Amino acid sequence: WLCNPESRVSCHYLVDVDGKIVQIVDEEYRA
């Protein structure tokens, strides 16, 4: 959802329940 252009939302990171970290937006940019 955070990577869907129709959602118009995002974040820099997501931490899943198993502790895995996904980066979604470069810190340089405005999420």
PDB file of all heavy atoms in Angstrom:
ATOM      1  N   TRP A   1       0.825  -1.205   0.000  1.00  0.00           N
ATOM      2  CA  TRP A   1       0.000   0.000   0.000  1.00  0.00           C
ATOM      3  C   TRP A   1       0.860   1.257   0.000  1.00  0.00           C
ATOM      4  O   TRP A   1       0.579   2.220  -0.714  1.00  0.00           O
ATOM      5  CB  TRP A   1      -0.921  -0.019   1.217  1.00  0.00           C
ATOM      6  CG  TRP A   1      -1.849   1.163   1.320  1.00  0.00           C
ATOM      7  CD1 TRP A   1      -1.877   2.096   2.308  1.00  0.00           C
ATOM      8  CD2 TRP A   1      -2.893   1.520   0.406  1.00  0.00           C
ATOM      9  NE1 TRP A   1      -2.871   3.021   2.068  1.00  0.00           N
ATOM     10  CE2 TRP A   1      -3.507   2.692   0.914  1.00  0.00           C
ATOM     11  CE3 TRP A   1      -3.359   0.972  -0.790  1.00  0.00           C
ATOM     12  CZ2 TRP A   1      -4.570   3.318   0.258  1.00  0.00           C
ATOM     13  CZ3 TRP A   1      -4.432   1.594  -1.441  1.00  0.00           C
ATOM     14  CH2 TRP A   1      -5.010   2.758  -0.914  1.00  0.00           C
ATOM     15  N   LEU A   2       1.921   1.245   0.775  1.00  0.00           N
ATOM     16  CA  LEU A   2       2.817   2.397   0.843  1.00  0.00           C
ATOM     17  C   LEU A   2       3.580   2.616  -0.458  1.00  0.00           C
ATOM     18  O   LEU A   2       4.100   3.709  -0.701  1.00  0.00           O
ATOM     19  CB  LEU A   2       3.804   2.210   2.000  1.00  0.00           C
ATOM     20  CG  LEU A   2       3.186   2.247   3.407  1.00  0.00           C
ATOM     21  CD1 LEU A   2       4.141   1.621   4.420  1.00  0.00           C
ATOM     22  CD2 LEU A   2       2.830   3.667   3.812  1.00  0.00           C
ATOM     23  N   CYS A   3       3.636   1.576  -1.285  1.00  0.00           N
ATOM     24  CA  CYS A   3       4.327   1.673  -2.567  1.00  0.00           C
ATOM     25  C   CYS A   3       3.357   1.800  -3.742  1.00  0.00           C
ATOM     26  O   CYS A   3       3.782   1.804  -4.906  1.00  0.00           O
ATOM     27  CB  CYS A   3       5.219   0.447  -2.776  1.00  0.00           C
ATOM     28  SG  CYS A   3       6.614   0.363  -1.636  1.00  0.00           S
ATOM     29  N   ASN A   4       2.078   1.905  -3.444  1.00  0.00           N
ATOM     30  CA  ASN A   4       1.057   2.047  -4.473  1.00  0.00           C
ATOM     31  C   ASN A   4       0.855   3.529  -4.774  1.00  0.00           C
ATOM     32  O   ASN A   4       0.495   4.296  -3.872  1.00  0.00           O
ATOM     33  CB  ASN A   4      -0.252   1.427  -3.976  1.00  0.00           C
ATOM     34  CG  ASN A   4      -1.355   1.431  -5.022  1.00  0.00           C
ATOM     35  OD1 ASN A   4      -1.347   2.219  -5.962  1.00  0.00           O
ATOM     36  ND2 ASN A   4      -2.319   0.545  -4.852  1.00  0.00           N
ATOM     37  N   PRO A   5       1.066   3.961  -6.012  1.00  0.00           N
ATOM     38  CA  PRO A   5       0.923   5.394  -6.311  1.00  0.00           C
ATOM     39  C   PRO A   5      -0.471   5.926  -6.033  1.00  0.00           C
ATOM     40  O   PRO A   5      -0.643   7.127  -5.781  1.00  0.00           O
ATOM     41  CB  PRO A   5       1.280   5.482  -7.796  1.00  0.00           C
ATOM     42  CG  PRO A   5       1.135   4.096  -8.327  1.00  0.00           C
ATOM     43  CD  PRO A   5       1.470   3.183  -7.195  1.00  0.00           C
ATOM     44  N   GLU A   6      -1.490   5.053  -6.039  1.00  0.00           N
ATOM     45  CA  GLU A   6      -2.849   5.503  -5.779  1.00  0.00           C
ATOM     46  C   GLU A   6      -3.092   5.814  -4.305  1.00  0.00           C
ATOM     47  O   GLU A   6      -4.012   6.547  -3.955  1.00  0.00           O
ATOM     48  CB  GLU A   6      -3.853   4.444  -6.246  1.00  0.00           C
ATOM     49  CG  GLU A   6      -3.836   4.213  -7.755  1.00  0.00           C
ATOM     50  CD  GLU A   6      -4.868   3.192  -8.194  1.00  0.00           C
ATOM     51  OE1 GLU A   6      -5.633   2.708  -7.326  1.00  0.00           O
ATOM     52  OE2 GLU A   6      -4.915   2.888  -9.395  1.00  0.00           O
ATOM     53  N   SER A   7      -2.240   5.271  -3.425  1.00  0.00           N
ATOM     54  CA  SER A   7      -2.437   5.481  -1.988  1.00  0.00           C
ATOM     55  C   SER A   7      -2.071   6.889  -1.545  1.00  0.00           C
ATOM     56  O   SER A   7      -2.615   7.397  -0.559  1.00  0.00           O
ATOM     57  CB  SER A   7      -1.616   4.468  -1.191  1.00  0.00           C
ATOM     58  OG  SER A   7      -0.231   4.801  -1.216  1.00  0.00           O
ATOM     59  N   ARG A   8      -1.102   7.483  -2.226  1.00  0.00           N
ATOM     60  CA  ARG A   8      -0.604   8.808  -1.863  1.00  0.00           C
ATOM     61  C   ARG A   8      -0.030   8.841  -0.450  1.00  0.00           C
ATOM     62  O   ARG A   8      -0.057   9.881   0.215  1.00  0.00           O
ATOM     63  CB  ARG A   8      -1.698   9.874  -2.014  1.00  0.00           C
ATOM     64  CG  ARG A   8      -2.317   9.963  -3.398  1.00  0.00           C
ATOM     65  CD  ARG A   8      -1.366  10.505  -4.427  1.00  0.00           C
ATOM     66  NE  ARG A   8      -1.020  11.892  -4.146  1.00  0.00           N
ATOM     67  CZ  ARG A   8      -0.093  12.568  -4.821  1.00  0.00           C
ATOM     68  NH1 ARG A   8       0.601  11.969  -5.781  1.00  0.00           N
ATOM     69  NH2 ARG A   8       0.177  13.819  -4.512  1.00  0.00           N
ATOM     70  N   VAL A   9       0.468   7.712   0.035  1.00  0.00           N
ATOM     71  CA  VAL A   9       1.135   7.654   1.332  1.00  0.00           C
ATOM     72  C   VAL A   9       2.424   6.857   1.200  1.00  0.00           C
ATOM     73  O   VAL A   9       2.587   6.050   0.280  1.00  0.00           O
ATOM     74  CB  VAL A   9       0.249   7.013   2.429  1.00  0.00           C
ATOM     75  CG1 VAL A   9      -0.940   7.894   2.738  1.00  0.00           C
ATOM     76  CG2 VAL A   9      -0.195   5.615   2.033  1.00  0.00           C
ATOM     77  N   SER A  10       3.334   7.093   2.130  1.00  0.00           N
ATOM     78  CA  SER A  10       4.609   6.361   2.144  1.00  0.00           C
ATOM     79  C   SER A  10       5.279   6.611   3.488  1.00  0.00           C
ATOM     80  O   SER A  10       4.755   7.324   4.341  1.00  0.00           O
ATOM     81  CB  SER A  10       5.523   6.809   0.994  1.00  0.00           C
ATOM     82  OG  SER A  10       5.852   8.191   1.119  1.00  0.00           O
ATOM     83  N   CYS A  11       6.431   6.020   3.671  1.00  0.00           N
ATOM     84  CA  CYS A  11       7.255   6.272   4.851  1.00  0.00           C
ATOM     85  C   CYS A  11       8.681   5.942   4.441  1.00  0.00           C
ATOM     86  O   CYS A  11       8.930   5.484   3.329  1.00  0.00           O
ATOM     87  CB  CYS A  11       6.811   5.419   6.035  1.00  0.00           C
ATOM     88  SG  CYS A  11       6.990   3.641   5.743  1.00  0.00           S
ATOM     89  N   HIS A  12       9.609   6.181   5.330  1.00  0.00           N
ATOM     90  CA  HIS A  12      10.993   5.837   5.011  1.00  0.00           C
ATOM     91  C   HIS A  12      11.296   4.366   5.303  1.00  0.00           C
ATOM     92  O   HIS A  12      11.980   3.700   4.522  1.00  0.00           O
ATOM     93  CB  HIS A  12      11.948   6.753   5.785  1.00  0.00           C
ATOM     94  CG  HIS A  12      11.836   8.186   5.357  1.00  0.00           C
ATOM     95  ND1 HIS A  12      10.989   9.076   5.997  1.00  0.00           N
ATOM     96  CD2 HIS A  12      12.426   8.875   4.360  1.00  0.00           C
ATOM     97  CE1 HIS A  12      11.077  10.260   5.398  1.00  0.00           C
ATOM     98  NE2 HIS A  12      11.941  10.171   4.416  1.00  0.00           N
ATOM     99  N   TYR A  13      10.768   3.870   6.426  1.00  0.00           N
ATOM    100  CA  TYR A  13      11.044   2.486   6.831  1.00  0.00           C
ATOM    101  C   TYR A  13       9.777   1.828   7.363  1.00  0.00           C
ATOM    102  O   TYR A  13       8.885   2.495   7.895  1.00  0.00           O
ATOM    103  CB  TYR A  13      12.098   2.450   7.949  1.00  0.00           C
ATOM    104  CG  TYR A  13      13.422   3.057   7.579  1.00  0.00           C
ATOM    105  CD1 TYR A  13      13.718   4.374   7.926  1.00  0.00           C
ATOM    106  CD2 TYR A  13      14.385   2.322   6.881  1.00  0.00           C
ATOM    107  CE1 TYR A  13      14.933   4.946   7.592  1.00  0.00           C
ATOM    108  CE2 TYR A  13      15.605   2.890   6.543  1.00  0.00           C
ATOM    109  CZ  TYR A  13      15.878   4.194   6.889  1.00  0.00           C
ATOM    110  OH  TYR A  13      17.085   4.756   6.551  1.00  0.00           O
ATOM    111  N   LEU A  14       9.745   0.510   7.247  1.00  0.00           N
ATOM    112  CA  LEU A  14       8.731  -0.299   7.910  1.00  0.00           C
ATOM    113  C   LEU A  14       9.426  -1.418   8.668  1.00  0.00           C
ATOM    114  O   LEU A  14      10.324  -2.073   8.130  1.00  0.00           O
ATOM    115  CB  LEU A  14       7.742  -0.887   6.903  1.00  0.00           C
ATOM    116  CG  LEU A  14       6.611  -1.735   7.509  1.00  0.00           C
ATOM    117  CD1 LEU A  14       5.296  -1.509   6.759  1.00  0.00           C
ATOM    118  CD2 LEU A  14       6.960  -3.232   7.501  1.00  0.00           C
ATOM    119  N   VAL A  15       9.034  -1.611   9.927  1.00  0.00           N
ATOM    120  CA  VAL A  15       9.572  -2.704  10.739  1.00  0.00           C
ATOM    121  C   VAL A  15       8.466  -3.736  10.914  1.00  0.00           C
ATOM    122  O   VAL A  15       7.422  -3.445  11.515  1.00  0.00           O
ATOM    123  CB  VAL A  15      10.061  -2.203  12.112  1.00  0.00           C
ATOM    124  CG1 VAL A  15      10.658  -3.372  12.898  1.00  0.00           C
ATOM    125  CG2 VAL A  15      11.081  -1.085  11.952  1.00  0.00           C
ATOM    126  N   ASP A  16       8.689  -4.934  10.394  1.00  0.00           N
ATOM    127  CA  ASP A  16       7.676  -5.988  10.440  1.00  0.00           C
ATOM    128  C   ASP A  16       7.677  -6.674  11.816  1.00  0.00           C
ATOM    129  O   ASP A  16       8.563  -6.443  12.642  1.00  0.00           O
ATOM    130  CB  ASP A  16       7.918  -7.001   9.326  1.00  0.00           C
ATOM    131  CG  ASP A  16       6.616  -7.582   8.787  1.00  0.00           C
ATOM    132  OD1 ASP A  16       5.620  -7.623   9.530  1.00  0.00           O
ATOM    133  OD2 ASP A  16       6.605  -8.009   7.612  1.00  0.00           O
ATOM    134  N   VAL A  17       6.706  -7.552  12.051  1.00  0.00           N
ATOM    135  CA  VAL A  17       6.579  -8.203  13.360  1.00  0.00           C
ATOM    136  C   VAL A  17       7.758  -9.115  13.680  1.00  0.00           C
ATOM    137  O   VAL A  17       8.057  -9.379  14.846  1.00  0.00           O
ATOM    138  CB  VAL A  17       5.265  -9.007  13.461  1.00  0.00           C
ATOM    139  CG1 VAL A  17       4.073  -8.074  13.499  1.00  0.00           C
ATOM    140  CG2 VAL A  17       5.140 -10.003  12.311  1.00  0.00           C
ATOM    141  N   ASP A  18       8.452  -9.596  12.627  1.00  0.00           N
ATOM    142  CA  ASP A  18       9.620 -10.454  12.845  1.00  0.00           C
ATOM    143  C   ASP A  18      10.909  -9.661  12.976  1.00  0.00           C
ATOM    144  O   ASP A  18      11.999 -10.228  13.084  1.00  0.00           O
ATOM    145  CB  ASP A  18       9.755 -11.487  11.727  1.00  0.00           C
ATOM    146  CG  ASP A  18       9.921 -10.850  10.347  1.00  0.00           C
ATOM    147  OD1 ASP A  18       9.943  -9.599  10.247  1.00  0.00           O
ATOM    148  OD2 ASP A  18      10.009 -11.610   9.353  1.00  0.00           O
ATOM    149  N   GLY A  19      10.796  -8.333  12.974  1.00  0.00           N
ATOM    150  CA  GLY A  19      11.959  -7.475  13.124  1.00  0.00           C
ATOM    151  C   GLY A  19      12.643  -7.096  11.825  1.00  0.00           C
ATOM    152  O   GLY A  19      13.586  -6.295  11.837  1.00  0.00           O
ATOM    153  N   LYS A  20      12.185  -7.630  10.716  1.00  0.00           N
ATOM    154  CA  LYS A  20      12.793  -7.286   9.430  1.00  0.00           C
ATOM    155  C   LYS A  20      12.473  -5.838   9.071  1.00  0.00           C
ATOM    156  O   LYS A  20      11.337  -5.377   9.232  1.00  0.00           O
ATOM    157  CB  LYS A  20      12.283  -8.207   8.326  1.00  0.00           C
ATOM    158  CG  LYS A  20      12.612  -9.692   8.530  1.00  0.00           C
ATOM    159  CD  LYS A  20      14.103  -9.950   8.459  1.00  0.00           C
ATOM    160  CE  LYS A  20      14.396 -11.447   8.539  1.00  0.00           C
ATOM    161  NZ  LYS A  20      15.854 -11.741   8.529  1.00  0.00           N
ATOM    162  N   ILE A  21      13.474  -5.137   8.570  1.00  0.00           N
ATOM    163  CA  ILE A  21      13.333  -3.728   8.228  1.00  0.00           C
ATOM    164  C   ILE A  21      13.315  -3.559   6.709  1.00  0.00           C
ATOM    165  O   ILE A  21      14.208  -4.037   6.015  1.00  0.00           O
ATOM    166  CB  ILE A  21      14.478  -2.893   8.828  1.00  0.00           C
ATOM    167  CG1 ILE A  21      14.457  -2.996  10.358  1.00  0.00           C
ATOM    168  CG2 ILE A  21      14.371  -1.431   8.380  1.00  0.00           C
ATOM    169  CD1 ILE A  21      15.673  -2.370  11.033  1.00  0.00           C
ATOM    170  N   VAL A  22      12.285  -2.898   6.222  1.00  0.00           N
ATOM    171  CA  VAL A  22      12.153  -2.596   4.800  1.00  0.00           C
ATOM    172  C   VAL A  22      12.328  -1.094   4.617  1.00  0.00           C
ATOM    173  O   VAL A  22      11.675  -0.309   5.310  1.00  0.00           O
ATOM    174  CB  VAL A  22      10.773  -3.019   4.262  1.00  0.00           C
ATOM    175  CG1 VAL A  22      10.698  -2.801   2.744  1.00  0.00           C
ATOM    176  CG2 VAL A  22      10.469  -4.472   4.604  1.00  0.00           C
ATOM    177  N   GLN A  23      13.211  -0.695   3.708  1.00  0.00           N
ATOM    178  CA  GLN A  23      13.303   0.732   3.383  1.00  0.00           C
ATOM    179  C   GLN A  23      12.454   1.008   2.155  1.00  0.00           C
ATOM    180  O   GLN A  23      12.507   0.288   1.158  1.00  0.00           O
ATOM    181  CB  GLN A  23      14.741   1.182   3.129  1.00  0.00           C
ATOM    182  CG  GLN A  23      14.817   2.703   2.901  1.00  0.00           C
ATOM    183  CD  GLN A  23      16.222   3.271   2.974  1.00  0.00           C
ATOM    184  OE1 GLN A  23      17.198   2.534   3.081  1.00  0.00           O
ATOM    185  NE2 GLN A  23      16.324   4.589   2.908  1.00  0.00           N
ATOM    186  N   ILE A  24      11.667   2.072   2.244  1.00  0.00           N
ATOM    187  CA  ILE A  24      10.680   2.380   1.215  1.00  0.00           C
ATOM    188  C   ILE A  24      10.989   3.703   0.508  1.00  0.00           C
ATOM    189  O   ILE A  24      10.748   3.845  -0.679  1.00  0.00           O
ATOM    190  CB  ILE A  24       9.277   2.395   1.853  1.00  0.00           C
ATOM    191  CG1 ILE A  24       8.939   0.975   2.358  1.00  0.00           C
ATOM    192  CG2 ILE A  24       8.207   2.884   0.888  1.00  0.00           C
ATOM    193  CD1 ILE A  24       7.692   0.900   3.195  1.00  0.00           C
ATOM    194  N   VAL A  25      11.534   4.669   1.250  1.00  0.00           N
ATOM    195  CA  VAL A  25      11.902   5.971   0.690  1.00  0.00           C
ATOM    196  C   VAL A  25      13.287   6.343   1.206  1.00  0.00           C
ATOM    197  O   VAL A  25      13.609   6.129   2.379  1.00  0.00           O
ATOM    198  CB  VAL A  25      10.874   7.064   1.067  1.00  0.00           C
ATOM    199  CG1 VAL A  25      11.361   8.462   0.649  1.00  0.00           C
ATOM    200  CG2 VAL A  25       9.516   6.777   0.432  1.00  0.00           C
ATOM    201  N   ASP A  26      14.106   6.883   0.336  1.00  0.00           N
ATOM    202  CA  ASP A  26      15.423   7.409   0.684  1.00  0.00           C
ATOM    203  C   ASP A  26      15.260   8.506   1.748  1.00  0.00           C
ATOM    204  O   ASP A  26      14.376   9.361   1.630  1.00  0.00           O
ATOM    205  CB  ASP A  26      16.041   7.983  -0.595  1.00  0.00           C
ATOM    206  CG  ASP A  26      17.494   8.383  -0.464  1.00  0.00           C
ATOM    207  OD1 ASP A  26      17.847   9.022   0.536  1.00  0.00           O
ATOM    208  OD2 ASP A  26      18.271   8.078  -1.378  1.00  0.00           O
ATOM    209  N   GLU A  27      16.110   8.491   2.766  1.00  0.00           N
ATOM    210  CA  GLU A  27      16.028   9.512   3.823  1.00  0.00           C
ATOM    211  C   GLU A  27      16.201  10.933   3.296  1.00  0.00           C
ATOM    212  O   GLU A  27      15.772  11.903   3.936  1.00  0.00           O
ATOM    213  CB  GLU A  27      17.074   9.245   4.902  1.00  0.00           C
ATOM    214  CG  GLU A  27      16.742   8.090   5.815  1.00  0.00           C
ATOM    215  CD  GLU A  27      17.753   7.951   6.940  1.00  0.00           C
ATOM    216  OE1 GLU A  27      18.520   8.904   7.190  1.00  0.00           O
ATOM    217  OE2 GLU A  27      17.786   6.876   7.589  1.00  0.00           O
ATOM    218  N   GLU A  28      16.843  11.067   2.161  1.00  0.00           N
ATOM    219  CA  GLU A  28      17.056  12.391   1.599  1.00  0.00           C
ATOM    220  C   GLU A  28      15.737  13.058   1.204  1.00  0.00           C
ATOM    221  O   GLU A  28      15.644  14.289   1.158  1.00  0.00           O
ATOM    222  CB  GLU A  28      17.970  12.280   0.374  1.00  0.00           C
ATOM    223  CG  GLU A  28      18.304  13.593  -0.302  1.00  0.00           C
ATOM    224  CD  GLU A  28      19.231  13.418  -1.483  1.00  0.00           C
ATOM    225  OE1 GLU A  28      19.747  12.294  -1.690  1.00  0.00           O
ATOM    226  OE2 GLU A  28      19.446  14.407  -2.219  1.00  0.00           O
ATOM    227  N   TYR A  29      14.731  12.225   0.941  1.00  0.00           N
ATOM    228  CA  TYR A  29      13.482  12.742   0.398  1.00  0.00           C
ATOM    229  C   TYR A  29      12.362  12.868   1.426  1.00  0.00           C
ATOM    230  O   TYR A  29      12.412  12.297   2.511  1.00  0.00           O
ATOM    231  CB  TYR A  29      13.024  11.857  -0.765  1.00  0.00           C
ATOM    232  CG  TYR A  29      14.001  11.844  -1.919  1.00  0.00           C
ATOM    233  CD1 TYR A  29      14.683  10.685  -2.260  1.00  0.00           C
ATOM    234  CD2 TYR A  29      14.258  13.007  -2.650  1.00  0.00           C
ATOM    235  CE1 TYR A  29      15.596  10.665  -3.303  1.00  0.00           C
ATOM    236  CE2 TYR A  29      15.169  12.999  -3.698  1.00  0.00           C
ATOM    237  CZ  TYR A  29      15.835  11.838  -4.019  1.00  0.00           C
ATOM    238  OH  TYR A  29      16.741  11.828  -5.041  1.00  0.00           O
ATOM    239  N   ARG A  30      11.338  13.564   1.020  1.00  0.00           N
ATOM    240  CA  ARG A  30      10.143  13.815   1.826  1.00  0.00           C
ATOM    241  C   ARG A  30       9.135  12.692   1.580  1.00  0.00           C
ATOM    242  O   ARG A  30       8.529  12.625   0.518  1.00  0.00           O
ATOM    243  CB  ARG A  30       9.554  15.169   1.435  1.00  0.00           C
ATOM    244  CG  ARG A  30       8.313  15.617   2.193  1.00  0.00           C
ATOM    245  CD  ARG A  30       7.845  16.953   1.593  1.00  0.00           C
ATOM    246  NE  ARG A  30       6.768  17.564   2.359  1.00  0.00           N
ATOM    247  CZ  ARG A  30       5.474  17.333   2.164  1.00  0.00           C
ATOM    248  NH1 ARG A  30       5.096  16.468   1.238  1.00  0.00           N
ATOM    249  NH2 ARG A  30       4.569  17.956   2.893  1.00  0.00           N
ATOM    250  N   ALA A  31       8.978  11.820   2.555  1.00  0.00           N
ATOM    251  CA  ALA A  31       7.957  10.775   2.466  1.00  0.00           C
ATOM    252  C   ALA A  31       6.621  11.339   2.932  1.00  0.00           C
ATOM    253  O   ALA A  31       6.563  12.349   3.639  1.00  0.00           O
ATOM    254  CB  ALA A  31       8.363   9.563   3.305  1.00  0.00           C
TER     255      ALA A  31
END
